[in-house]
């Protein structure tokens, strides 16, 4: 006689905060390279022109990180892991690029 083991394994927990913070930090480093590397600033840009890109771009990076966390969750549920990682990278890069464009609009991106 054999006994059945009815133990179900739970889905692995996918962290949400960690990818969001990493995505925002990478985007902050990217925009810092552009913002703090400026030698000449146009007086028409205003005194606090750096605030907008330093807020918008990390926000876009955080959204890209959240998308990565969502796709990691989908991967844990059975979707193709390579496809979800590739899609996450593409969405993140496009999101950070759009964050840089929107953040620098009217100043360096003119």
N, C-alpha and C. Protein backbone atom coordinates (compact mmCIF):
# COMPACT_ATOMS: atom_id res chain seq x y z
N UNK A 1 0.84 -1.17 0.00
CA UNK A 1 0.00 0.00 0.00
C UNK A 1 0.89 1.24 0.00
N UNK A 2 0.57 2.18 -0.84
CA UNK A 2 1.34 3.43 -0.91
C UNK A 2 0.49 4.57 -0.39
N UNK A 3 1.15 5.54 0.15
CA UNK A 3 0.45 6.73 0.64
C UNK A 3 0.73 7.89 -0.31
N UNK A 4 -0.27 8.69 -0.48
CA UNK A 4 -0.11 9.86 -1.34
C UNK A 4 0.26 11.06 -0.49
N UNK A 5 1.14 11.84 -1.03
CA UNK A 5 1.58 13.05 -0.35
C UNK A 5 0.87 14.23 -1.01
N UNK A 6 -0.09 14.81 -0.33
CA UNK A 6 -0.89 15.90 -0.90
C UNK A 6 -0.36 17.27 -0.50
N UNK A 7 0.93 17.41 -0.50
CA UNK A 7 1.53 18.69 -0.15
C UNK A 7 1.66 19.51 -1.44
N UNK A 8 1.07 20.66 -1.43
CA UNK A 8 1.19 21.54 -2.60
C UNK A 8 2.29 22.55 -2.33
N UNK A 9 3.05 22.81 -3.36
CA UNK A 9 4.13 23.78 -3.22
C UNK A 9 3.60 25.15 -3.62
N UNK A 10 3.81 26.15 -2.77
CA UNK A 10 3.32 27.48 -3.11
C UNK A 10 4.16 28.11 -4.20
N UNK A 11 3.57 29.08 -4.88
CA UNK A 11 4.31 29.82 -5.89
C UNK A 11 5.42 30.61 -5.21
N UNK A 12 6.57 30.70 -5.84
CA UNK A 12 7.65 31.48 -5.22
C UNK A 12 7.26 32.96 -5.14
N UNK A 13 7.61 33.57 -4.02
CA UNK A 13 7.30 34.98 -3.83
C UNK A 13 8.20 35.83 -4.72
N UNK A 14 7.60 36.72 -5.46
CA UNK A 14 8.33 37.62 -6.33
C UNK A 14 8.35 38.99 -5.67
N UNK A 15 9.54 39.51 -5.43
CA UNK A 15 9.67 40.81 -4.79
C UNK A 15 9.24 41.91 -5.75
N UNK A 16 8.55 42.90 -5.23
CA UNK A 16 8.09 44.01 -6.05
C UNK A 16 8.93 45.26 -5.83
N UNK A 17 9.31 45.52 -4.60
CA UNK A 17 10.01 46.76 -4.27
C UNK A 17 11.43 46.76 -4.82
N UNK A 18 12.11 45.65 -4.75
CA UNK A 18 13.51 45.60 -5.18
C UNK A 18 13.70 45.97 -6.66
N UNK A 19 12.95 45.40 -7.61
CA UNK A 19 13.13 45.82 -9.00
C UNK A 19 12.74 47.27 -9.24
N UNK A 20 11.76 47.77 -8.50
CA UNK A 20 11.36 49.17 -8.66
C UNK A 20 12.50 50.09 -8.22
N UNK A 21 13.10 49.80 -7.07
CA UNK A 21 14.20 50.64 -6.59
C UNK A 21 15.44 50.53 -7.48
N UNK A 22 15.73 49.34 -7.97
CA UNK A 22 16.88 49.17 -8.86
C UNK A 22 16.64 49.89 -10.18
N UNK A 23 15.43 49.80 -10.71
CA UNK A 23 15.11 50.50 -11.96
C UNK A 23 15.22 52.01 -11.80
N UNK A 24 14.75 52.53 -10.68
CA UNK A 24 14.84 53.97 -10.43
C UNK A 24 16.29 54.40 -10.25
N UNK A 25 17.09 53.60 -9.56
CA UNK A 25 18.49 53.95 -9.33
C UNK A 25 19.29 53.97 -10.64
N UNK A 26 19.06 53.00 -11.51
CA UNK A 26 19.75 52.97 -12.80
C UNK A 26 19.35 54.18 -13.63
N UNK A 27 18.07 54.50 -13.66
CA UNK A 27 17.60 55.66 -14.42
C UNK A 27 18.17 56.96 -13.83
N UNK A 28 18.29 57.03 -12.51
CA UNK A 28 18.89 58.22 -11.88
C UNK A 28 20.35 58.38 -12.29
N UNK A 29 21.08 57.28 -12.36
CA UNK A 29 22.47 57.35 -12.79
C UNK A 29 22.58 57.79 -14.24
N UNK A 30 21.68 57.32 -15.08
CA UNK A 30 21.69 57.70 -16.49
C UNK A 30 21.43 59.19 -16.65
N UNK A 31 20.40 59.70 -16.00
CA UNK A 31 20.07 61.12 -16.15
C UNK A 31 21.10 62.00 -15.45
N UNK A 32 21.71 61.51 -14.38
CA UNK A 32 22.76 62.29 -13.71
C UNK A 32 23.96 62.51 -14.61
N UNK A 33 24.26 61.52 -15.44
CA UNK A 33 25.34 61.67 -16.40
C UNK A 33 25.10 62.85 -17.32
N UNK A 34 23.87 63.05 -17.76
CA UNK A 34 23.55 64.16 -18.65
C UNK A 34 23.41 65.49 -17.90
N UNK A 35 22.72 65.47 -16.78
CA UNK A 35 22.39 66.72 -16.07
C UNK A 35 23.62 67.34 -15.41
N UNK A 36 24.40 66.53 -14.73
CA UNK A 36 25.54 67.08 -14.00
C UNK A 36 26.78 67.24 -14.88
N UNK A 37 26.70 66.81 -16.12
CA UNK A 37 27.81 66.99 -17.05
C UNK A 37 27.69 68.24 -17.89
N UNK A 38 26.74 69.09 -17.59
CA UNK A 38 26.51 70.31 -18.38
C UNK A 38 27.44 71.41 -17.88
N UNK A 39 28.19 71.98 -18.81
CA UNK A 39 29.07 73.09 -18.45
C UNK A 39 28.36 74.44 -18.66
N UNK A 40 27.58 74.54 -19.72
CA UNK A 40 26.90 75.78 -20.03
C UNK A 40 25.40 75.58 -19.88
N UNK A 41 24.77 76.44 -19.10
CA UNK A 41 23.32 76.41 -18.98
C UNK A 41 22.75 77.69 -19.53
N UNK A 42 21.71 77.56 -20.29
CA UNK A 42 21.02 78.71 -20.87
C UNK A 42 20.22 79.41 -19.77
N UNK A 43 20.33 80.74 -19.67
CA UNK A 43 19.55 81.43 -18.63
C UNK A 43 18.04 81.28 -18.80
N UNK A 44 17.59 80.96 -19.99
CA UNK A 44 16.16 80.78 -20.22
C UNK A 44 15.64 79.50 -19.56
N UNK A 45 16.51 78.58 -19.19
CA UNK A 45 16.09 77.33 -18.58
C UNK A 45 15.63 77.52 -17.15
N UNK A 46 16.04 78.56 -16.52
CA UNK A 46 15.65 78.80 -15.14
C UNK A 46 16.71 78.28 -14.18
N UNK A 47 16.55 78.64 -12.92
CA UNK A 47 17.54 78.30 -11.91
C UNK A 47 17.45 76.83 -11.48
N UNK A 48 16.26 76.28 -11.47
CA UNK A 48 16.04 74.92 -10.98
C UNK A 48 15.69 73.95 -12.11
N UNK A 49 16.33 74.08 -13.25
CA UNK A 49 16.00 73.25 -14.39
C UNK A 49 16.36 71.78 -14.17
N UNK A 50 17.26 71.48 -13.26
CA UNK A 50 17.70 70.09 -13.03
C UNK A 50 16.66 69.25 -12.28
N UNK A 51 15.74 69.88 -11.60
CA UNK A 51 14.78 69.13 -10.77
C UNK A 51 13.88 68.25 -11.63
N UNK A 52 13.38 68.80 -12.71
CA UNK A 52 12.44 68.04 -13.55
C UNK A 52 13.04 66.74 -14.09
N UNK A 53 14.20 66.79 -14.74
CA UNK A 53 14.74 65.51 -15.24
C UNK A 53 15.14 64.54 -14.12
N UNK A 54 15.56 65.08 -12.97
CA UNK A 54 15.96 64.20 -11.88
C UNK A 54 14.77 63.57 -11.17
N UNK A 55 13.56 64.04 -11.44
CA UNK A 55 12.35 63.41 -10.91
C UNK A 55 11.66 62.52 -11.94
N UNK A 56 11.56 63.01 -13.17
CA UNK A 56 10.80 62.30 -14.21
C UNK A 56 11.50 61.00 -14.63
N UNK A 57 12.79 61.05 -14.87
CA UNK A 57 13.49 59.87 -15.38
C UNK A 57 13.54 58.72 -14.37
N UNK A 58 13.87 58.97 -13.09
CA UNK A 58 13.78 57.85 -12.15
C UNK A 58 12.36 57.31 -11.98
N UNK A 59 11.36 58.16 -12.13
CA UNK A 59 9.99 57.68 -12.08
C UNK A 59 9.72 56.72 -13.24
N UNK A 60 10.21 57.07 -14.42
CA UNK A 60 10.06 56.17 -15.57
C UNK A 60 10.83 54.87 -15.34
N UNK A 61 12.01 54.96 -14.73
CA UNK A 61 12.77 53.76 -14.41
C UNK A 61 12.07 52.89 -13.38
N UNK A 62 11.41 53.51 -12.41
CA UNK A 62 10.66 52.76 -11.41
C UNK A 62 9.47 52.04 -12.05
N UNK A 63 8.83 52.68 -12.99
CA UNK A 63 7.72 52.03 -13.70
C UNK A 63 8.25 50.85 -14.52
N UNK A 64 9.41 51.02 -15.14
CA UNK A 64 10.03 49.90 -15.86
C UNK A 64 10.39 48.76 -14.93
N UNK A 65 10.86 49.09 -13.73
CA UNK A 65 11.15 48.06 -12.73
C UNK A 65 9.90 47.35 -12.26
N UNK A 66 8.81 48.10 -12.14
CA UNK A 66 7.53 47.49 -11.76
C UNK A 66 7.05 46.54 -12.86
N UNK A 67 7.28 46.92 -14.11
CA UNK A 67 6.91 46.03 -15.21
C UNK A 67 7.75 44.76 -15.17
N UNK A 68 9.03 44.91 -14.84
CA UNK A 68 9.88 43.72 -14.69
C UNK A 68 9.36 42.81 -13.59
N UNK A 69 8.96 43.39 -12.47
CA UNK A 69 8.43 42.59 -11.36
C UNK A 69 7.15 41.87 -11.78
N UNK A 70 6.31 42.55 -12.54
CA UNK A 70 5.09 41.92 -13.02
C UNK A 70 5.41 40.76 -13.97
N UNK A 71 6.38 40.98 -14.85
CA UNK A 71 6.74 39.91 -15.78
C UNK A 71 7.44 38.76 -15.05
N UNK A 72 8.19 39.04 -13.99
CA UNK A 72 8.78 37.96 -13.20
C UNK A 72 7.69 37.14 -12.53
N UNK A 73 6.64 37.81 -12.08
CA UNK A 73 5.50 37.10 -11.51
C UNK A 73 4.83 36.21 -12.57
N UNK A 74 4.69 36.75 -13.77
CA UNK A 74 4.09 35.96 -14.85
C UNK A 74 4.99 34.77 -15.21
N UNK A 75 6.29 34.98 -15.16
CA UNK A 75 7.23 33.90 -15.44
C UNK A 75 7.11 32.79 -14.41
N UNK A 76 6.91 33.18 -13.15
CA UNK A 76 6.74 32.18 -12.09
C UNK A 76 5.45 31.40 -12.25
N UNK A 77 4.49 31.98 -12.95
CA UNK A 77 3.21 31.29 -13.18
C UNK A 77 3.25 30.40 -14.40
N UNK A 78 4.37 30.38 -15.14
CA UNK A 78 4.47 29.44 -16.25
C UNK A 78 4.75 30.03 -17.61
N UNK A 79 4.86 31.35 -17.72
CA UNK A 79 5.17 31.94 -19.02
C UNK A 79 6.65 31.69 -19.34
N UNK A 80 7.00 31.84 -20.59
CA UNK A 80 8.37 31.63 -21.05
C UNK A 80 9.29 32.65 -20.39
N UNK A 81 10.26 32.18 -19.62
CA UNK A 81 11.12 33.07 -18.84
C UNK A 81 12.00 33.93 -19.74
N UNK A 82 12.56 33.37 -20.79
CA UNK A 82 13.43 34.14 -21.69
C UNK A 82 12.63 35.26 -22.37
N UNK A 83 11.41 34.97 -22.76
CA UNK A 83 10.58 35.98 -23.41
C UNK A 83 10.20 37.09 -22.43
N UNK A 84 9.90 36.74 -21.21
CA UNK A 84 9.52 37.77 -20.24
C UNK A 84 10.71 38.66 -19.89
N UNK A 85 11.90 38.10 -19.78
CA UNK A 85 13.08 38.92 -19.49
C UNK A 85 13.39 39.84 -20.67
N UNK A 86 13.33 39.31 -21.88
CA UNK A 86 13.60 40.13 -23.06
C UNK A 86 12.59 41.26 -23.19
N UNK A 87 11.32 40.96 -23.00
CA UNK A 87 10.28 41.97 -23.07
C UNK A 87 10.46 43.02 -21.96
N UNK A 88 10.86 42.59 -20.78
CA UNK A 88 11.09 43.51 -19.67
C UNK A 88 12.23 44.47 -19.97
N UNK A 89 13.30 43.97 -20.55
CA UNK A 89 14.45 44.82 -20.89
C UNK A 89 14.06 45.84 -21.95
N UNK A 90 13.34 45.40 -22.97
CA UNK A 90 12.92 46.32 -24.03
C UNK A 90 12.00 47.41 -23.48
N UNK A 91 11.03 47.02 -22.68
CA UNK A 91 10.11 48.00 -22.10
C UNK A 91 10.85 48.95 -21.17
N UNK A 92 11.80 48.45 -20.39
CA UNK A 92 12.57 49.31 -19.49
C UNK A 92 13.39 50.33 -20.27
N UNK A 93 14.10 49.88 -21.30
CA UNK A 93 14.93 50.80 -22.10
C UNK A 93 14.09 51.88 -22.79
N UNK A 94 12.96 51.48 -23.34
CA UNK A 94 12.08 52.46 -23.98
C UNK A 94 11.52 53.43 -22.94
N UNK A 95 11.16 52.92 -21.77
CA UNK A 95 10.63 53.78 -20.72
C UNK A 95 11.65 54.79 -20.22
N UNK A 96 12.89 54.35 -20.00
CA UNK A 96 13.93 55.27 -19.54
C UNK A 96 14.24 56.29 -20.63
N UNK A 97 14.28 55.86 -21.88
CA UNK A 97 14.52 56.79 -22.98
C UNK A 97 13.42 57.86 -23.03
N UNK A 98 12.17 57.43 -22.88
CA UNK A 98 11.08 58.40 -22.87
C UNK A 98 11.15 59.30 -21.64
N UNK A 99 11.58 58.78 -20.51
CA UNK A 99 11.76 59.60 -19.31
C UNK A 99 12.84 60.66 -19.50
N UNK A 100 13.92 60.28 -20.18
CA UNK A 100 14.98 61.26 -20.48
C UNK A 100 14.45 62.34 -21.41
N UNK A 101 13.71 61.95 -22.43
CA UNK A 101 13.16 62.92 -23.38
C UNK A 101 12.19 63.87 -22.69
N UNK A 102 11.27 63.34 -21.90
CA UNK A 102 10.29 64.19 -21.23
C UNK A 102 10.96 65.05 -20.16
N UNK A 103 11.94 64.48 -19.46
CA UNK A 103 12.62 65.24 -18.41
C UNK A 103 13.46 66.38 -18.95
N UNK A 104 14.10 66.16 -20.08
CA UNK A 104 14.97 67.19 -20.65
C UNK A 104 14.27 68.06 -21.68
N UNK A 105 12.99 67.85 -21.90
CA UNK A 105 12.26 68.65 -22.87
C UNK A 105 12.26 70.13 -22.45
N UNK A 106 12.61 70.96 -23.37
CA UNK A 106 12.65 72.40 -23.10
C UNK A 106 13.99 72.88 -22.59
N UNK A 107 14.89 71.99 -22.27
CA UNK A 107 16.22 72.39 -21.82
C UNK A 107 17.25 71.80 -22.77
N UNK A 108 17.82 70.68 -22.45
CA UNK A 108 18.84 70.07 -23.28
C UNK A 108 18.25 69.35 -24.51
N UNK A 109 17.00 68.94 -24.41
CA UNK A 109 16.36 68.24 -25.53
C UNK A 109 15.48 69.22 -26.28
N UNK A 110 16.13 70.08 -27.03
CA UNK A 110 15.39 71.11 -27.76
C UNK A 110 15.77 71.12 -29.20
